[in-house]
Amino acid sequence: MPIKINFAFKAETKTCHRFETGERPDQMTIYLKKKIVEEAGINPKKGITITVEERS
């Protein structure tokens, strides 16, 4: 069964957008390349949802 995790936009670097979810010690961070986010038409300031599932 897939897991959906909501990440909020936290910051940007020269090449990436940084998204975070949760509070320490359970906090998770993900960095996505700006180019990939922009090509997908995603507004990073709105946050993202990541779906995690086992690879078949």
PDB file of N, CA and C in Angstrom:
ATOM      1  N   MET A   1       0.846  -1.180   0.000  1.00  0.00           N
ATOM      2  CA  MET A   1       0.000   0.000   0.000  1.00  0.00           C
ATOM      3  C   MET A   1       0.897   1.250   0.000  1.00  0.00           C
ATOM      4  N   PRO A   2       0.705   2.164  -0.928  1.00  0.00           N
ATOM      5  CA  PRO A   2       1.551   3.366  -1.005  1.00  0.00           C
ATOM      6  C   PRO A   2       1.403   4.268   0.226  1.00  0.00           C
ATOM      7  N   ILE A   3       2.453   4.994   0.510  1.00  0.00           N
ATOM      8  CA  ILE A   3       2.467   5.993   1.582  1.00  0.00           C
ATOM      9  C   ILE A   3       2.544   7.358   0.920  1.00  0.00           C
ATOM     10  N   LYS A   4       1.719   8.301   1.347  1.00  0.00           N
ATOM     11  CA  LYS A   4       1.781   9.677   0.845  1.00  0.00           C
ATOM     12  C   LYS A   4       2.310  10.572   1.953  1.00  0.00           C
ATOM     13  N   ILE A   5       3.340  11.352   1.631  1.00  0.00           N
ATOM     14  CA  ILE A   5       3.956  12.229   2.620  1.00  0.00           C
ATOM     15  C   ILE A   5       3.944  13.654   2.068  1.00  0.00           C
ATOM     16  N   ASN A   6       3.396  14.585   2.839  1.00  0.00           N
ATOM     17  CA  ASN A   6       3.351  15.993   2.446  1.00  0.00           C
ATOM     18  C   ASN A   6       4.604  16.717   2.937  1.00  0.00           C
ATOM     19  N   PHE A   7       5.241  17.433   2.033  1.00  0.00           N
ATOM     20  CA  PHE A   7       6.437  18.215   2.338  1.00  0.00           C
ATOM     21  C   PHE A   7       6.147  19.691   2.104  1.00  0.00           C
ATOM     22  N   ALA A   8       6.602  20.536   3.001  1.00  0.00           N
ATOM     23  CA  ALA A   8       6.463  21.985   2.850  1.00  0.00           C
ATOM     24  C   ALA A   8       7.764  22.557   2.289  1.00  0.00           C
ATOM     25  N   PHE A   9       7.642  23.578   1.462  1.00  0.00           N
ATOM     26  CA  PHE A   9       8.814  24.276   0.930  1.00  0.00           C
ATOM     27  C   PHE A   9       9.513  24.992   2.079  1.00  0.00           C
ATOM     28  N   LYS A  10      10.837  24.844   2.162  1.00  0.00           N
ATOM     29  CA  LYS A  10      11.589  25.490   3.236  1.00  0.00           C
ATOM     30  C   LYS A  10      12.612  26.489   2.723  1.00  0.00           C
ATOM     31  N   ALA A  11      13.284  26.174   1.626  1.00  0.00           N
ATOM     32  CA  ALA A  11      14.347  27.062   1.141  1.00  0.00           C
ATOM     33  C   ALA A  11      14.753  26.638  -0.258  1.00  0.00           C
ATOM     34  N   GLU A  12      15.614  27.453  -0.849  1.00  0.00           N
ATOM     35  CA  GLU A  12      16.184  27.060  -2.130  1.00  0.00           C
ATOM     36  C   GLU A  12      17.668  27.355  -2.127  1.00  0.00           C
ATOM     37  N   THR A  13      18.401  26.528  -2.848  1.00  0.00           N
ATOM     38  CA  THR A  13      19.819  26.739  -3.045  1.00  0.00           C
ATOM     39  C   THR A  13      19.982  27.252  -4.472  1.00  0.00           C
ATOM     40  N   LYS A  14      21.193  27.335  -4.915  1.00  0.00           N
ATOM     41  CA  LYS A  14      21.432  27.796  -6.283  1.00  0.00           C
ATOM     42  C   LYS A  14      20.788  26.860  -7.312  1.00  0.00           C
ATOM     43  N   THR A  15      20.762  25.545  -7.007  1.00  0.00           N
ATOM     44  CA  THR A  15      20.265  24.577  -7.985  1.00  0.00           C
ATOM     45  C   THR A  15      19.070  23.749  -7.524  1.00  0.00           C
ATOM     46  N   CYS A  16      18.712  23.829  -6.233  1.00  0.00           N
ATOM     47  CA  CYS A  16      17.673  22.942  -5.697  1.00  0.00           C
ATOM     48  C   CYS A  16      16.628  23.683  -4.864  1.00  0.00           C
ATOM     49  N   HIS A  17      15.470  23.017  -4.720  1.00  0.00           N
ATOM     50  CA  HIS A  17      14.446  23.425  -3.767  1.00  0.00           C
ATOM     51  C   HIS A  17      14.520  22.436  -2.610  1.00  0.00           C
ATOM     52  N   ARG A  18      14.429  22.935  -1.371  1.00  0.00           N
ATOM     53  CA  ARG A  18      14.454  22.070  -0.190  1.00  0.00           C
ATOM     54  C   ARG A  18      13.060  22.010   0.415  1.00  0.00           C
ATOM     55  N   PHE A  19      12.595  20.788   0.654  1.00  0.00           N
ATOM     56  CA  PHE A  19      11.284  20.550   1.246  1.00  0.00           C
ATOM     57  C   PHE A  19      11.473  19.746   2.529  1.00  0.00           C
ATOM     58  N   GLU A  20      10.641  20.025   3.546  1.00  0.00           N
ATOM     59  CA  GLU A  20      10.738  19.316   4.818  1.00  0.00           C
ATOM     60  C   GLU A  20       9.359  18.907   5.312  1.00  0.00           C
ATOM     61  N   THR A  21       9.354  17.856   6.138  1.00  0.00           N
ATOM     62  CA  THR A  21       8.142  17.407   6.803  1.00  0.00           C
ATOM     63  C   THR A  21       8.498  16.909   8.195  1.00  0.00           C
ATOM     64  N   GLY A  22       7.568  17.007   9.117  1.00  0.00           N
ATOM     65  CA  GLY A  22       7.770  16.494  10.463  1.00  0.00           C
ATOM     66  C   GLY A  22       8.661  17.372  11.322  1.00  0.00           C
ATOM     67  N   GLU A  23       8.814  16.942  12.551  1.00  0.00           N
ATOM     68  CA  GLU A  23       9.657  17.624  13.528  1.00  0.00           C
ATOM     69  C   GLU A  23      10.732  16.652  13.985  1.00  0.00           C
ATOM     70  N   ARG A  24      11.845  17.208  14.424  1.00  0.00           N
ATOM     71  CA  ARG A  24      12.921  16.346  14.923  1.00  0.00           C
ATOM     72  C   ARG A  24      12.415  15.521  16.087  1.00  0.00           C
ATOM     73  N   PRO A  25      12.738  14.289  16.223  1.00  0.00           N
ATOM     74  CA  PRO A  25      13.729  13.529  15.480  1.00  0.00           C
ATOM     75  C   PRO A  25      13.177  12.838  14.231  1.00  0.00           C
ATOM     76  N   ASP A  26      11.897  13.035  13.930  1.00  0.00           N
ATOM     77  CA  ASP A  26      11.279  12.356  12.784  1.00  0.00           C
ATOM     78  C   ASP A  26      11.301  13.182  11.501  1.00  0.00           C
ATOM     79  N   GLN A  27      11.932  14.325  11.521  1.00  0.00           N
ATOM     80  CA  GLN A  27      11.951  15.224  10.367  1.00  0.00           C
ATOM     81  C   GLN A  27      12.637  14.568   9.171  1.00  0.00           C
ATOM     82  N   MET A  28      12.061  14.818   7.994  1.00  0.00           N
ATOM     83  CA  MET A  28      12.652  14.340   6.744  1.00  0.00           C
ATOM     84  C   MET A  28      12.842  15.537   5.814  1.00  0.00           C
ATOM     85  N   THR A  29      13.901  15.498   5.034  1.00  0.00           N
ATOM     86  CA  THR A  29      14.213  16.569   4.088  1.00  0.00           C
ATOM     87  C   THR A  29      14.466  15.953   2.726  1.00  0.00           C
ATOM     88  N   ILE A  30      13.974  16.627   1.692  1.00  0.00           N
ATOM     89  CA  ILE A  30      14.230  16.182   0.330  1.00  0.00           C
ATOM     90  C   ILE A  30      14.654  17.393  -0.496  1.00  0.00           C
ATOM     91  N   TYR A  31      15.654  17.199  -1.328  1.00  0.00           N
ATOM     92  CA  TYR A  31      16.121  18.231  -2.248  1.00  0.00           C
ATOM     93  C   TYR A  31      15.763  17.793  -3.659  1.00  0.00           C
ATOM     94  N   LEU A  32      15.120  18.676  -4.411  1.00  0.00           N
ATOM     95  CA  LEU A  32      14.787  18.402  -5.808  1.00  0.00           C
ATOM     96  C   LEU A  32      15.411  19.487  -6.676  1.00  0.00           C
ATOM     97  N   LYS A  33      15.970  19.076  -7.786  1.00  0.00           N
ATOM     98  CA  LYS A  33      16.571  20.029  -8.718  1.00  0.00           C
ATOM     99  C   LYS A  33      15.512  21.003  -9.226  1.00  0.00           C
ATOM    100  N   LYS A  34      15.868  22.272  -9.249  1.00  0.00           N
ATOM    101  CA  LYS A  34      14.933  23.312  -9.711  1.00  0.00           C
ATOM    102  C   LYS A  34      14.423  23.016 -11.108  1.00  0.00           C
ATOM    103  N   LYS A  35      15.307  22.567 -11.974  1.00  0.00           N
ATOM    104  CA  LYS A  35      14.932  22.304 -13.365  1.00  0.00           C
ATOM    105  C   LYS A  35      13.803  21.270 -13.456  1.00  0.00           C
ATOM    106  N   ILE A  36      13.888  20.214 -12.679  1.00  0.00           N
ATOM    107  CA  ILE A  36      12.866  19.160 -12.709  1.00  0.00           C
ATOM    108  C   ILE A  36      11.532  19.689 -12.188  1.00  0.00           C
ATOM    109  N   VAL A  37      11.577  20.453 -11.106  1.00  0.00           N
ATOM    110  CA  VAL A  37      10.355  21.012 -10.523  1.00  0.00           C
ATOM    111  C   VAL A  37       9.695  21.978 -11.505  1.00  0.00           C
ATOM    112  N   GLU A  38      10.482  22.841 -12.116  1.00  0.00           N
ATOM    113  CA  GLU A  38       9.947  23.818 -13.074  1.00  0.00           C
ATOM    114  C   GLU A  38       9.394  23.135 -14.313  1.00  0.00           C
ATOM    115  N   GLU A  39      10.087  22.117 -14.836  1.00  0.00           N
ATOM    116  CA  GLU A  39       9.613  21.405 -16.025  1.00  0.00           C
ATOM    117  C   GLU A  39       8.279  20.706 -15.766  1.00  0.00           C
ATOM    118  N   ALA A  40       8.040  20.306 -14.513  1.00  0.00           N
ATOM    119  CA  ALA A  40       6.782  19.641 -14.156  1.00  0.00           C
ATOM    120  C   ALA A  40       5.657  20.650 -13.915  1.00  0.00           C
ATOM    121  N   GLY A  41       5.977  21.949 -13.909  1.00  0.00           N
ATOM    122  CA  GLY A  41       4.967  22.975 -13.690  1.00  0.00           C
ATOM    123  C   GLY A  41       4.523  23.071 -12.234  1.00  0.00           C
ATOM    124  N   ILE A  42       5.388  22.658 -11.321  1.00  0.00           N
ATOM    125  CA  ILE A  42       5.060  22.670  -9.891  1.00  0.00           C
ATOM    126  C   ILE A  42       5.515  23.977  -9.268  1.00  0.00           C
ATOM    127  N   ASN A  43       4.618  24.604  -8.502  1.00  0.00           N
ATOM    128  CA  ASN A  43       4.969  25.793  -7.738  1.00  0.00           C
ATOM    129  C   ASN A  43       5.514  25.306  -6.391  1.00  0.00           C
ATOM    130  N   PRO A  44       6.825  25.382  -6.163  1.00  0.00           N
ATOM    131  CA  PRO A  44       7.400  24.822  -4.942  1.00  0.00           C
ATOM    132  C   PRO A  44       6.868  25.460  -3.664  1.00  0.00           C
ATOM    133  N   LYS A  45       6.444  26.707  -3.724  1.00  0.00           N
ATOM    134  CA  LYS A  45       5.945  27.406  -2.533  1.00  0.00           C
ATOM    135  C   LYS A  45       4.657  26.770  -1.994  1.00  0.00           C
ATOM    136  N   LYS A  46       3.943  26.009  -2.842  1.00  0.00           N
ATOM    137  CA  LYS A  46       2.721  25.330  -2.412  1.00  0.00           C
ATOM    138  C   LYS A  46       3.019  24.008  -1.713  1.00  0.00           C
ATOM    139  N   GLY A  47       4.272  23.551  -1.756  1.00  0.00           N
ATOM    140  CA  GLY A  47       4.638  22.269  -1.174  1.00  0.00           C
ATOM    141  C   GLY A  47       4.415  21.137  -2.164  1.00  0.00           C
ATOM    142  N   ILE A  48       4.793  19.938  -1.753  1.00  0.00           N
ATOM    143  CA  ILE A  48       4.676  18.765  -2.624  1.00  0.00           C
ATOM    144  C   ILE A  48       4.175  17.575  -1.815  1.00  0.00           C
ATOM    145  N   THR A  49       3.654  16.597  -2.514  1.00  0.00           N
ATOM    146  CA  THR A  49       3.286  15.325  -1.911  1.00  0.00           C
ATOM    147  C   THR A  49       4.093  14.243  -2.612  1.00  0.00           C
ATOM    148  N   ILE A  50       4.769  13.424  -1.813  1.00  0.00           N
ATOM    149  CA  ILE A  50       5.578  12.330  -2.325  1.00  0.00           C
ATOM    150  C   ILE A  50       4.828  11.031  -2.060  1.00  0.00           C
ATOM    151  N   THR A  51       4.720  10.175  -3.088  1.00  0.00           N
ATOM    152  CA  THR A  51       4.120   8.869  -2.932  1.00  0.00           C
ATOM    153  C   THR A  51       5.237   7.835  -2.935  1.00  0.00           C
ATOM    154  N   VAL A  52       5.253   6.990  -1.902  1.00  0.00           N
ATOM    155  CA  VAL A  52       6.294   5.968  -1.762  1.00  0.00           C
ATOM    156  C   VAL A  52       5.625   4.603  -1.850  1.00  0.00           C
ATOM    157  N   GLU A  53       6.156   3.767  -2.758  1.00  0.00           N
ATOM    158  CA  GLU A  53       5.646   2.405  -2.864  1.00  0.00           C
ATOM    159  C   GLU A  53       6.777   1.471  -3.248  1.00  0.00           C
ATOM    160  N   GLU A  54       6.592   0.236  -2.933  1.00  0.00           N
ATOM    161  CA  GLU A  54       7.605  -0.769  -3.242  1.00  0.00           C
ATOM    162  C   GLU A  54       7.725  -0.949  -4.733  1.00  0.00           C
ATOM    163  N   ARG A  55       8.971  -1.029  -5.188  1.00  0.00           N
ATOM    164  CA  ARG A  55       9.204  -1.243  -6.609  1.00  0.00           C
ATOM    165  C   ARG A  55       8.898  -2.690  -6.951  1.00  0.00           C
ATOM    166  N   SER A  56       8.225  -2.890  -8.076  1.00  0.00           N
ATOM    167  CA  SER A  56       7.880  -4.267  -8.449  1.00  0.00           C
ATOM    168  C   SER A  56       8.851  -4.862  -9.417  1.00  0.00           C
TER     169      SER A  56
END
